[in-house]
N, C-alpha and C. Protein backbone atom coordinates (compact mmCIF):
# COMPACT_ATOMS: atom_id res chain seq x y z
N UNK A 1 3.64 9.75 -26.59
CA UNK A 1 2.23 10.06 -26.82
C UNK A 1 1.65 9.24 -27.97
N UNK A 2 2.39 8.31 -28.48
CA UNK A 2 1.90 7.45 -29.55
C UNK A 2 0.59 6.78 -29.14
N UNK A 3 0.44 6.48 -27.85
CA UNK A 3 -0.76 5.81 -27.35
C UNK A 3 -1.70 6.77 -26.62
N UNK A 4 -1.41 8.05 -26.69
CA UNK A 4 -2.25 9.13 -26.15
C UNK A 4 -2.31 9.15 -24.62
N UNK A 5 -1.47 8.37 -23.96
CA UNK A 5 -1.46 8.36 -22.50
C UNK A 5 -0.07 8.12 -21.97
N UNK A 6 0.19 8.78 -20.86
CA UNK A 6 1.35 8.44 -20.03
C UNK A 6 0.75 8.07 -18.69
N UNK A 7 1.00 6.84 -18.26
CA UNK A 7 0.42 6.37 -17.01
C UNK A 7 1.52 6.27 -15.97
N UNK A 8 1.34 7.00 -14.89
CA UNK A 8 2.27 6.97 -13.76
C UNK A 8 1.81 5.86 -12.83
N UNK A 9 2.68 4.87 -12.62
CA UNK A 9 2.33 3.75 -11.75
C UNK A 9 3.38 3.64 -10.65
N UNK A 10 3.02 4.04 -9.45
CA UNK A 10 3.93 4.00 -8.31
C UNK A 10 3.29 3.18 -7.19
N UNK A 11 4.09 2.86 -6.19
CA UNK A 11 3.58 2.12 -5.03
C UNK A 11 2.42 2.88 -4.40
N UNK A 12 1.56 2.16 -3.70
CA UNK A 12 0.36 2.76 -3.10
C UNK A 12 0.65 3.41 -1.76
N UNK A 13 1.90 3.42 -1.32
CA UNK A 13 2.24 3.97 -0.01
C UNK A 13 2.72 5.42 -0.12
N UNK A 14 3.21 5.94 1.00
CA UNK A 14 3.65 7.33 1.06
C UNK A 14 4.84 7.59 0.13
N UNK A 15 5.76 6.64 0.04
CA UNK A 15 6.91 6.81 -0.86
C UNK A 15 6.45 6.91 -2.31
N UNK A 16 5.47 6.08 -2.69
CA UNK A 16 4.91 6.15 -4.03
C UNK A 16 4.25 7.49 -4.30
N UNK A 17 3.58 8.03 -3.30
CA UNK A 17 2.96 9.35 -3.45
C UNK A 17 4.01 10.42 -3.70
N UNK A 18 5.13 10.30 -3.00
CA UNK A 18 6.21 11.27 -3.18
C UNK A 18 6.78 11.18 -4.60
N UNK A 19 7.02 9.98 -5.06
CA UNK A 19 7.54 9.79 -6.42
C UNK A 19 6.54 10.32 -7.45
N UNK A 20 5.26 10.05 -7.22
CA UNK A 20 4.22 10.55 -8.12
C UNK A 20 4.23 12.08 -8.17
N UNK A 21 4.41 12.71 -7.02
CA UNK A 21 4.47 14.17 -6.96
C UNK A 21 5.68 14.70 -7.73
N UNK A 22 6.81 14.02 -7.59
CA UNK A 22 8.00 14.43 -8.35
C UNK A 22 7.75 14.32 -9.86
N UNK A 23 7.15 13.23 -10.29
CA UNK A 23 6.87 13.05 -11.72
C UNK A 23 5.87 14.09 -12.23
N UNK A 24 4.82 14.34 -11.45
CA UNK A 24 3.84 15.35 -11.86
C UNK A 24 4.48 16.72 -11.96
N UNK A 25 5.36 17.02 -11.03
CA UNK A 25 6.06 18.31 -11.06
C UNK A 25 6.93 18.41 -12.32
N UNK A 26 7.63 17.33 -12.64
CA UNK A 26 8.45 17.32 -13.86
C UNK A 26 7.59 17.56 -15.10
N UNK A 27 6.51 16.81 -15.24
CA UNK A 27 5.65 16.98 -16.42
C UNK A 27 5.05 18.39 -16.47
N UNK A 28 4.65 18.91 -15.32
CA UNK A 28 4.06 20.24 -15.28
C UNK A 28 5.06 21.31 -15.70
N UNK A 29 6.28 21.18 -15.20
CA UNK A 29 7.29 22.21 -15.48
C UNK A 29 7.94 22.07 -16.85
N UNK A 30 8.13 20.84 -17.31
CA UNK A 30 8.90 20.61 -18.53
C UNK A 30 8.05 20.27 -19.75
N UNK A 31 6.87 19.71 -19.56
CA UNK A 31 6.02 19.27 -20.67
C UNK A 31 4.57 19.67 -20.39
N UNK A 32 4.38 20.93 -20.13
CA UNK A 32 3.08 21.45 -19.71
C UNK A 32 1.95 21.04 -20.66
N UNK A 33 2.23 21.02 -21.96
CA UNK A 33 1.19 20.75 -22.96
C UNK A 33 0.58 19.37 -22.80
N UNK A 34 1.38 18.37 -22.42
CA UNK A 34 0.80 17.03 -22.28
C UNK A 34 -0.10 16.95 -21.05
N UNK A 35 0.20 17.75 -20.03
CA UNK A 35 -0.68 17.81 -18.87
C UNK A 35 -1.96 18.56 -19.25
N UNK A 36 -1.78 19.70 -19.90
CA UNK A 36 -2.90 20.54 -20.31
C UNK A 36 -3.87 19.78 -21.22
N UNK A 37 -3.34 18.91 -22.07
CA UNK A 37 -4.16 18.17 -23.03
C UNK A 37 -4.70 16.85 -22.46
N UNK A 38 -4.48 16.59 -21.16
CA UNK A 38 -5.08 15.43 -20.51
C UNK A 38 -4.44 14.09 -20.83
N UNK A 39 -3.14 14.08 -21.10
CA UNK A 39 -2.45 12.84 -21.46
C UNK A 39 -1.83 12.11 -20.27
N UNK A 40 -1.85 12.71 -19.08
CA UNK A 40 -1.22 12.09 -17.92
C UNK A 40 -2.30 11.42 -17.06
N UNK A 41 -2.03 10.17 -16.69
CA UNK A 41 -2.95 9.39 -15.85
C UNK A 41 -2.16 8.79 -14.70
N UNK A 42 -2.86 8.52 -13.61
CA UNK A 42 -2.27 7.87 -12.45
C UNK A 42 -2.97 6.54 -12.24
N UNK A 43 -2.18 5.45 -12.22
CA UNK A 43 -2.72 4.13 -11.92
C UNK A 43 -2.88 4.01 -10.40
N UNK A 44 -3.95 3.37 -9.97
CA UNK A 44 -4.23 3.23 -8.54
C UNK A 44 -4.14 1.77 -8.11
N UNK A 45 -2.95 1.31 -7.73
CA UNK A 45 -2.82 -0.08 -7.26
C UNK A 45 -3.36 -0.20 -5.84
N UNK A 46 -3.72 -1.41 -5.44
CA UNK A 46 -4.21 -1.59 -4.07
C UNK A 46 -3.07 -1.57 -3.07
N UNK A 47 -3.41 -1.25 -1.84
CA UNK A 47 -2.44 -1.28 -0.75
C UNK A 47 -2.57 -2.58 0.05
N UNK A 48 -3.77 -3.19 0.00
CA UNK A 48 -4.04 -4.41 0.78
C UNK A 48 -4.74 -5.46 -0.06
N UNK A 49 -4.55 -6.72 0.33
CA UNK A 49 -5.36 -7.83 -0.15
C UNK A 49 -5.89 -8.53 1.08
N UNK A 50 -7.22 -8.65 1.16
CA UNK A 50 -7.87 -9.29 2.30
C UNK A 50 -8.45 -10.60 1.79
N UNK A 51 -8.07 -11.69 2.45
CA UNK A 51 -8.45 -13.03 2.00
C UNK A 51 -9.09 -13.80 3.13
N UNK A 52 -10.14 -14.56 2.77
CA UNK A 52 -10.73 -15.53 3.69
C UNK A 52 -11.16 -16.71 2.85
N UNK A 53 -10.50 -17.83 3.08
CA UNK A 53 -10.76 -19.00 2.24
C UNK A 53 -10.32 -18.71 0.82
N UNK A 54 -11.23 -18.95 -0.12
CA UNK A 54 -10.92 -18.70 -1.53
C UNK A 54 -11.41 -17.34 -1.99
N UNK A 55 -12.05 -16.60 -1.11
CA UNK A 55 -12.54 -15.26 -1.46
C UNK A 55 -11.51 -14.21 -1.07
N UNK A 56 -11.42 -13.17 -1.87
CA UNK A 56 -10.50 -12.07 -1.55
C UNK A 56 -11.01 -10.79 -2.17
N UNK A 57 -10.57 -9.68 -1.59
CA UNK A 57 -10.82 -8.35 -2.15
C UNK A 57 -9.54 -7.54 -1.98
N UNK A 58 -9.42 -6.54 -2.84
CA UNK A 58 -8.31 -5.60 -2.75
C UNK A 58 -8.83 -4.31 -2.15
N UNK A 59 -7.98 -3.64 -1.37
CA UNK A 59 -8.36 -2.37 -0.75
C UNK A 59 -7.26 -1.35 -1.02
N UNK A 60 -7.69 -0.13 -1.31
CA UNK A 60 -6.73 0.93 -1.62
C UNK A 60 -6.35 1.78 -0.41
N UNK A 61 -7.13 1.69 0.67
CA UNK A 61 -6.84 2.50 1.84
C UNK A 61 -7.35 1.80 3.11
N UNK A 62 -7.09 2.43 4.25
CA UNK A 62 -7.47 1.86 5.54
C UNK A 62 -8.99 1.64 5.65
N UNK A 63 -9.75 2.60 5.17
CA UNK A 63 -11.21 2.51 5.27
C UNK A 63 -11.74 1.30 4.50
N UNK A 64 -11.27 1.10 3.28
CA UNK A 64 -11.70 -0.06 2.49
C UNK A 64 -11.23 -1.36 3.15
N UNK A 65 -10.01 -1.35 3.69
CA UNK A 65 -9.50 -2.54 4.37
C UNK A 65 -10.36 -2.89 5.56
N UNK A 66 -10.66 -1.91 6.40
CA UNK A 66 -11.48 -2.16 7.59
C UNK A 66 -12.87 -2.67 7.23
N UNK A 67 -13.45 -2.13 6.16
CA UNK A 67 -14.77 -2.60 5.72
C UNK A 67 -14.70 -4.04 5.25
N UNK A 68 -13.66 -4.39 4.50
CA UNK A 68 -13.51 -5.77 4.02
C UNK A 68 -13.30 -6.73 5.17
N UNK A 69 -12.48 -6.34 6.14
CA UNK A 69 -12.26 -7.18 7.32
C UNK A 69 -13.57 -7.38 8.07
N UNK A 70 -14.32 -6.32 8.22
CA UNK A 70 -15.62 -6.39 8.90
C UNK A 70 -16.57 -7.35 8.15
N UNK A 71 -16.62 -7.20 6.83
CA UNK A 71 -17.49 -8.05 6.03
C UNK A 71 -17.09 -9.52 6.12
N UNK A 72 -15.79 -9.79 5.99
CA UNK A 72 -15.31 -11.17 6.07
C UNK A 72 -15.44 -11.75 7.47
N UNK A 73 -15.38 -10.91 8.49
CA UNK A 73 -15.42 -11.37 9.89
C UNK A 73 -16.82 -11.66 10.38
N UNK A 74 -17.84 -11.34 9.60
CA UNK A 74 -19.22 -11.56 10.02
C UNK A 74 -19.46 -13.02 10.41
N UNK A 75 -18.77 -13.94 9.73
CA UNK A 75 -18.93 -15.37 10.02
C UNK A 75 -17.74 -15.90 10.82
N UNK A 76 -16.98 -15.03 11.45
CA UNK A 76 -15.81 -15.43 12.23
C UNK A 76 -14.53 -15.01 11.55
N UNK A 77 -13.47 -14.99 12.34
CA UNK A 77 -12.19 -14.49 11.81
C UNK A 77 -11.23 -15.60 11.44
N UNK A 78 -11.63 -16.85 11.61
CA UNK A 78 -10.73 -17.96 11.28
C UNK A 78 -10.40 -17.94 9.78
N UNK A 79 -9.12 -18.00 9.48
CA UNK A 79 -8.67 -18.01 8.09
C UNK A 79 -8.61 -16.64 7.43
N UNK A 80 -8.85 -15.59 8.18
CA UNK A 80 -8.81 -14.24 7.64
C UNK A 80 -7.37 -13.76 7.56
N UNK A 81 -6.97 -13.29 6.40
CA UNK A 81 -5.61 -12.79 6.22
C UNK A 81 -5.65 -11.40 5.60
N UNK A 82 -4.81 -10.52 6.11
CA UNK A 82 -4.67 -9.18 5.55
C UNK A 82 -3.21 -9.03 5.12
N UNK A 83 -3.02 -8.83 3.83
CA UNK A 83 -1.68 -8.64 3.29
C UNK A 83 -1.52 -7.19 2.87
N UNK A 84 -0.47 -6.55 3.39
CA UNK A 84 -0.17 -5.17 2.99
C UNK A 84 0.98 -5.21 2.01
N UNK A 85 0.75 -4.61 0.85
CA UNK A 85 1.79 -4.57 -0.16
C UNK A 85 2.74 -3.43 0.15
N UNK A 86 4.02 -3.75 0.25
CA UNK A 86 5.02 -2.70 0.49
C UNK A 86 5.36 -1.99 -0.81
N UNK A 87 5.00 -2.61 -1.92
CA UNK A 87 5.26 -2.00 -3.22
C UNK A 87 4.74 -2.87 -4.34
N UNK A 88 4.79 -2.34 -5.53
CA UNK A 88 4.32 -3.08 -6.70
C UNK A 88 5.14 -4.35 -6.93
N UNK A 89 6.42 -4.31 -6.58
CA UNK A 89 7.29 -5.46 -6.77
C UNK A 89 6.95 -6.62 -5.86
N UNK A 90 6.13 -6.39 -4.86
CA UNK A 90 5.73 -7.46 -3.94
C UNK A 90 4.55 -8.27 -4.48
N UNK A 91 3.89 -7.75 -5.51
CA UNK A 91 2.77 -8.47 -6.10
C UNK A 91 3.28 -9.49 -7.11
N UNK A 92 2.54 -10.59 -7.22
CA UNK A 92 2.82 -11.54 -8.29
C UNK A 92 2.43 -10.89 -9.61
N UNK A 93 3.04 -11.31 -10.71
CA UNK A 93 2.69 -10.70 -12.01
C UNK A 93 1.19 -10.76 -12.31
N UNK A 94 0.53 -11.87 -11.96
CA UNK A 94 -0.90 -11.96 -12.23
C UNK A 94 -1.70 -11.00 -11.37
N UNK A 95 -1.28 -10.77 -10.13
CA UNK A 95 -1.96 -9.80 -9.26
C UNK A 95 -1.78 -8.38 -9.80
N UNK A 96 -0.58 -8.06 -10.23
CA UNK A 96 -0.31 -6.72 -10.77
C UNK A 96 -1.15 -6.50 -12.03
N UNK A 97 -1.24 -7.52 -12.87
CA UNK A 97 -2.04 -7.41 -14.08
C UNK A 97 -3.51 -7.18 -13.74
N UNK A 98 -4.03 -8.01 -12.85
CA UNK A 98 -5.48 -7.94 -12.58
C UNK A 98 -5.89 -6.68 -11.81
N UNK A 99 -5.01 -6.12 -11.01
CA UNK A 99 -5.38 -4.95 -10.20
C UNK A 99 -5.00 -3.61 -10.82
N UNK A 100 -3.92 -3.57 -11.57
CA UNK A 100 -3.36 -2.28 -11.96
C UNK A 100 -3.10 -2.11 -13.45
N UNK A 101 -2.92 -3.21 -14.17
CA UNK A 101 -2.54 -3.07 -15.57
C UNK A 101 -3.63 -3.47 -16.56
N UNK A 102 -4.52 -4.35 -16.21
CA UNK A 102 -5.57 -4.81 -17.12
C UNK A 102 -6.52 -3.67 -17.45
N UNK A 103 -6.58 -3.24 -18.71
CA UNK A 103 -7.45 -2.11 -19.07
C UNK A 103 -8.92 -2.33 -18.70
N UNK A 104 -9.35 -3.58 -18.62
CA UNK A 104 -10.75 -3.85 -18.29
C UNK A 104 -11.05 -3.67 -16.80
N UNK A 105 -10.02 -3.76 -15.95
CA UNK A 105 -10.27 -3.72 -14.50
C UNK A 105 -9.50 -2.65 -13.73
N UNK A 106 -8.51 -2.06 -14.32
CA UNK A 106 -7.68 -1.09 -13.59
C UNK A 106 -8.46 0.20 -13.33
N UNK A 107 -7.94 0.96 -12.37
CA UNK A 107 -8.49 2.27 -12.08
C UNK A 107 -7.43 3.31 -12.41
N UNK A 108 -7.79 4.23 -13.29
CA UNK A 108 -6.89 5.32 -13.66
C UNK A 108 -7.54 6.65 -13.32
N UNK A 109 -6.74 7.57 -12.83
CA UNK A 109 -7.19 8.94 -12.62
C UNK A 109 -6.52 9.83 -13.65
N UNK A 110 -7.31 10.61 -14.35
CA UNK A 110 -6.74 11.55 -15.31
C UNK A 110 -6.29 12.80 -14.55
N UNK A 111 -5.07 13.22 -14.80
CA UNK A 111 -4.52 14.40 -14.15
C UNK A 111 -5.03 15.64 -14.88
N UNK A 112 -5.55 16.57 -14.11
CA UNK A 112 -6.00 17.84 -14.67
C UNK A 112 -5.00 18.92 -14.31
N UNK A 113 -5.12 20.05 -14.92
CA UNK A 113 -4.22 21.16 -14.63
C UNK A 113 -4.30 21.54 -13.15
N UNK A 114 -5.49 21.53 -12.57
CA UNK A 114 -5.63 21.85 -11.14
C UNK A 114 -4.79 20.91 -10.30
N UNK A 115 -4.79 19.61 -10.61
CA UNK A 115 -3.98 18.64 -9.88
C UNK A 115 -2.50 18.96 -10.03
N UNK A 116 -2.07 19.24 -11.24
CA UNK A 116 -0.66 19.51 -11.49
C UNK A 116 -0.21 20.79 -10.81
N UNK A 117 -1.05 21.80 -10.82
CA UNK A 117 -0.71 23.07 -10.15
C UNK A 117 -0.53 22.82 -8.66
N UNK A 118 -1.45 22.08 -8.06
CA UNK A 118 -1.35 21.78 -6.62
C UNK A 118 -0.09 20.96 -6.32
N UNK A 119 0.19 19.96 -7.16
CA UNK A 119 1.39 19.14 -6.96
C UNK A 119 2.65 20.00 -7.06
N UNK A 120 2.70 20.86 -8.05
CA UNK A 120 3.86 21.73 -8.23
C UNK A 120 4.02 22.68 -7.04
N UNK A 121 2.89 23.22 -6.57
CA UNK A 121 2.93 24.13 -5.42
C UNK A 121 3.44 23.41 -4.18
N UNK A 122 2.90 22.23 -3.90
CA UNK A 122 3.33 21.50 -2.72
C UNK A 122 4.79 21.06 -2.82
N UNK A 123 5.19 20.62 -3.99
CA UNK A 123 6.58 20.21 -4.16
C UNK A 123 7.52 21.39 -3.94
N UNK A 124 7.19 22.53 -4.50
CA UNK A 124 8.00 23.73 -4.32
C UNK A 124 8.03 24.13 -2.84
N UNK A 125 6.89 24.05 -2.20
CA UNK A 125 6.79 24.40 -0.78
C UNK A 125 7.61 23.45 0.10
N UNK A 126 7.42 22.14 -0.12
CA UNK A 126 8.03 21.16 0.78
C UNK A 126 9.47 20.80 0.44
N UNK A 127 9.86 20.97 -0.82
CA UNK A 127 11.20 20.58 -1.23
C UNK A 127 12.06 21.76 -1.69
N UNK A 128 11.50 22.94 -1.63
CA UNK A 128 12.22 24.12 -2.12
C UNK A 128 13.27 24.61 -1.15
N UNK A 129 13.90 25.68 -1.52
CA UNK A 129 14.99 26.24 -0.73
C UNK A 129 14.51 27.08 0.45
N UNK A 130 13.26 27.52 0.43
CA UNK A 130 12.72 28.36 1.50
C UNK A 130 12.31 27.49 2.69
N UNK A 131 13.01 27.64 3.82
CA UNK A 131 12.76 26.81 5.00
C UNK A 131 11.51 27.26 5.76
N UNK A 132 11.30 28.53 5.91
CA UNK A 132 10.20 29.06 6.73
C UNK A 132 8.82 28.59 6.24
N UNK A 133 8.49 28.69 4.96
CA UNK A 133 7.17 28.21 4.52
C UNK A 133 6.97 26.70 4.77
N UNK A 134 8.05 25.91 4.61
CA UNK A 134 7.98 24.48 4.86
C UNK A 134 7.69 24.21 6.33
N UNK A 135 8.38 24.91 7.23
CA UNK A 135 8.18 24.75 8.67
C UNK A 135 6.75 25.12 9.03
N UNK A 136 6.26 26.22 8.50
CA UNK A 136 4.88 26.65 8.78
C UNK A 136 3.86 25.62 8.29
N UNK A 137 4.08 25.06 7.12
CA UNK A 137 3.18 24.05 6.57
C UNK A 137 3.16 22.82 7.49
N UNK A 138 4.33 22.35 7.89
CA UNK A 138 4.42 21.17 8.76
C UNK A 138 3.74 21.44 10.09
N UNK A 139 3.98 22.59 10.68
CA UNK A 139 3.34 22.93 11.96
C UNK A 139 1.82 23.02 11.82
N UNK A 140 1.36 23.56 10.72
CA UNK A 140 -0.07 23.74 10.51
C UNK A 140 -0.80 22.40 10.32
N UNK A 141 -0.19 21.46 9.59
CA UNK A 141 -0.89 20.23 9.22
C UNK A 141 -0.40 18.97 9.94
N UNK A 142 0.56 19.08 10.84
CA UNK A 142 1.14 17.90 11.48
C UNK A 142 0.10 17.04 12.19
N UNK A 143 -0.87 17.66 12.84
CA UNK A 143 -1.86 16.89 13.59
C UNK A 143 -2.95 16.29 12.71
N UNK A 144 -3.00 16.68 11.43
CA UNK A 144 -4.01 16.18 10.50
C UNK A 144 -3.55 14.96 9.72
N UNK A 145 -2.33 14.50 9.93
CA UNK A 145 -1.79 13.39 9.17
C UNK A 145 -2.60 12.13 9.45
N UNK A 146 -3.06 11.48 8.38
CA UNK A 146 -3.84 10.25 8.50
C UNK A 146 -3.06 9.03 8.03
N UNK A 147 -2.22 9.17 7.02
CA UNK A 147 -1.49 8.05 6.46
C UNK A 147 0.01 8.24 6.68
N UNK A 148 0.47 7.93 7.86
CA UNK A 148 1.89 8.04 8.16
C UNK A 148 2.50 6.66 8.09
N UNK A 149 3.39 6.48 7.15
CA UNK A 149 4.01 5.18 6.90
C UNK A 149 5.38 5.16 7.55
N UNK A 150 5.47 4.53 8.71
CA UNK A 150 6.74 4.51 9.46
C UNK A 150 7.39 3.15 9.32
């Protein structure tokens, strides 16, 4: 806490979300005060880089990616490239700096107690010893899945 922040930086995919949930659960259960005092932040790296010629944009989700592709495709699709990052390690150091680490350009979400409570609840539900609540949750929400990373 010397710098008043702990920034959780994980991959932008489903695995990164799982790791982020585990870390939030740890902080909530073991270091509640730092969560309560607003010291936990989540870095939001991009999932995609869309390039056409020398122009490029980063996208954090499918909707942003589709909009960028649409915008770049207005003058044709020749030279259009969509790169999906499988993880932070796939980015060049300069890309990681400019998208996720540079204080002037990065996007951080401050974790609130409501976020931590929800993360802890879901982690307990989905990873706990009680099988029945987990099965019910999966059955209830299985058809609502939007970001399935296979």
